[in-house]
C-alpha atoms as a PDB file:
ATOM      1  CA  UNK A   1      10.568  -7.659  12.416  1.00  0.00           C
ATOM      2  CA  UNK A   2       8.088  -7.036  15.240  1.00  0.00           C
ATOM      3  CA  UNK A   3      10.888  -5.751  17.481  1.00  0.00           C
ATOM      4  CA  UNK A   4      12.085  -3.358  14.817  1.00  0.00           C
ATOM      5  CA  UNK A   5       8.580  -2.100  14.108  1.00  0.00           C
ATOM      6  CA  UNK A   6       7.987  -1.241  17.749  1.00  0.00           C
ATOM      7  CA  UNK A   7      10.676   1.451  17.557  1.00  0.00           C
ATOM      8  CA  UNK A   8       9.417   3.015  14.300  1.00  0.00           C
ATOM      9  CA  UNK A   9       6.848   5.821  14.129  1.00  0.00           C
ATOM     10  CA  UNK A  10       6.021   5.804  10.410  1.00  0.00           C
ATOM     11  CA  UNK A  11       6.224   2.989   7.874  1.00  0.00           C
ATOM     12  CA  UNK A  12       6.873   3.835   4.221  1.00  0.00           C
ATOM     13  CA  UNK A  13       5.510   0.954   2.176  1.00  0.00           C
ATOM     14  CA  UNK A  14       6.208   0.627  -1.556  1.00  0.00           C
ATOM     15  CA  UNK A  15       3.651  -1.087  -3.762  1.00  0.00           C
ATOM     16  CA  UNK A  16       3.394  -1.697  -7.489  1.00  0.00           C
ATOM     17  CA  UNK A  17       1.012   0.768  -9.188  1.00  0.00           C
ATOM     18  CA  UNK A  18       0.103  -1.791 -11.850  1.00  0.00           C
ATOM     19  CA  UNK A  19      -1.342  -4.219  -9.285  1.00  0.00           C
ATOM     20  CA  UNK A  20      -2.311  -2.117  -6.246  1.00  0.00           C
ATOM     21  CA  UNK A  21      -4.344  -4.756  -4.423  1.00  0.00           C
ATOM     22  CA  UNK A  22      -2.208  -7.813  -5.035  1.00  0.00           C
ATOM     23  CA  UNK A  23       1.116  -6.060  -4.397  1.00  0.00           C
ATOM     24  CA  UNK A  24       0.387  -5.679  -0.689  1.00  0.00           C
ATOM     25  CA  UNK A  25       2.065  -8.083   1.690  1.00  0.00           C
ATOM     26  CA  UNK A  26      -0.361  -9.899   4.051  1.00  0.00           C
ATOM     27  CA  UNK A  27       2.412 -10.431   6.606  1.00  0.00           C
ATOM     28  CA  UNK A  28       2.951  -6.658   6.737  1.00  0.00           C
ATOM     29  CA  UNK A  29      -0.775  -6.062   7.153  1.00  0.00           C
ATOM     30  CA  UNK A  30      -0.836  -8.204  10.273  1.00  0.00           C
ATOM     31  CA  UNK A  31       2.372  -6.810  11.762  1.00  0.00           C
ATOM     32  CA  UNK A  32       1.783  -3.150  10.908  1.00  0.00           C
ATOM     33  CA  UNK A  33      -1.928  -2.763  11.524  1.00  0.00           C
ATOM     34  CA  UNK A  34      -1.430  -0.328  14.409  1.00  0.00           C
ATOM     35  CA  UNK A  35       1.297   1.804  12.782  1.00  0.00           C
ATOM     36  CA  UNK A  36       0.951   4.947  10.695  1.00  0.00           C
ATOM     37  CA  UNK A  37       1.809   4.193   7.065  1.00  0.00           C
ATOM     38  CA  UNK A  38       2.624   6.096   3.941  1.00  0.00           C
ATOM     39  CA  UNK A  39       2.007   3.906   0.906  1.00  0.00           C
ATOM     40  CA  UNK A  40       4.020   4.846  -2.180  1.00  0.00           C
ATOM     41  CA  UNK A  41       3.072   3.388  -5.543  1.00  0.00           C
ATOM     42  CA  UNK A  42       5.954   2.664  -7.881  1.00  0.00           C
ATOM     43  CA  UNK A  43       6.278   1.740 -11.565  1.00  0.00           C
ATOM     44  CA  UNK A  44       3.463   4.020 -12.745  1.00  0.00           C
ATOM     45  CA  UNK A  45       5.417   4.642 -15.932  1.00  0.00           C
ATOM     46  CA  UNK A  46       5.090   0.924 -16.794  1.00  0.00           C
ATOM     47  CA  UNK A  47       1.301   0.801 -16.285  1.00  0.00           C
ATOM     48  CA  UNK A  48      -1.599   1.323 -18.631  1.00  0.00           C
ATOM     49  CA  UNK A  49      -2.688   4.925 -18.763  1.00  0.00           C
ATOM     50  CA  UNK A  50      -5.493   4.398 -16.239  1.00  0.00           C
ATOM     51  CA  UNK A  51      -6.396   1.712 -13.748  1.00  0.00           C
ATOM     52  CA  UNK A  52      -9.640  -0.235 -14.003  1.00  0.00           C
ATOM     53  CA  UNK A  53     -12.377   1.927 -12.414  1.00  0.00           C
ATOM     54  CA  UNK A  54     -13.677  -1.052 -10.385  1.00  0.00           C
ATOM     55  CA  UNK A  55     -10.235  -1.577  -8.868  1.00  0.00           C
ATOM     56  CA  UNK A  56      -9.910   2.124  -8.064  1.00  0.00           C
ATOM     57  CA  UNK A  57     -13.321   2.269  -6.390  1.00  0.00           C
ATOM     58  CA  UNK A  58     -12.628  -0.833  -4.309  1.00  0.00           C
ATOM     59  CA  UNK A  59      -9.218   0.430  -3.274  1.00  0.00           C
ATOM     60  CA  UNK A  60     -10.290   3.977  -2.429  1.00  0.00           C
ATOM     61  CA  UNK A  61     -13.126   2.747  -0.238  1.00  0.00           C
ATOM     62  CA  UNK A  62     -10.633   1.194   2.189  1.00  0.00           C
ATOM     63  CA  UNK A  63      -7.521   3.407   1.837  1.00  0.00           C
ATOM     64  CA  UNK A  64      -7.490   7.161   2.481  1.00  0.00           C
ATOM     65  CA  UNK A  65      -5.422   9.299   0.137  1.00  0.00           C
ATOM     66  CA  UNK A  66      -3.299  12.322   0.973  1.00  0.00           C
END
């Protein structure tokens, strides 16, 4: 995977909206830490209407939004 990543400019990573913090892949974090990423959250239609405010605050403090 590291060889493939070296030739890619932008990574599009899909995560589950219902569990934004636990749906990330630690192996990806290590391998992709220097690459630009667009994180797309899927399955929003299956989630509760709103996420827990504590989870949102924690997440937003470490991840910029577009």
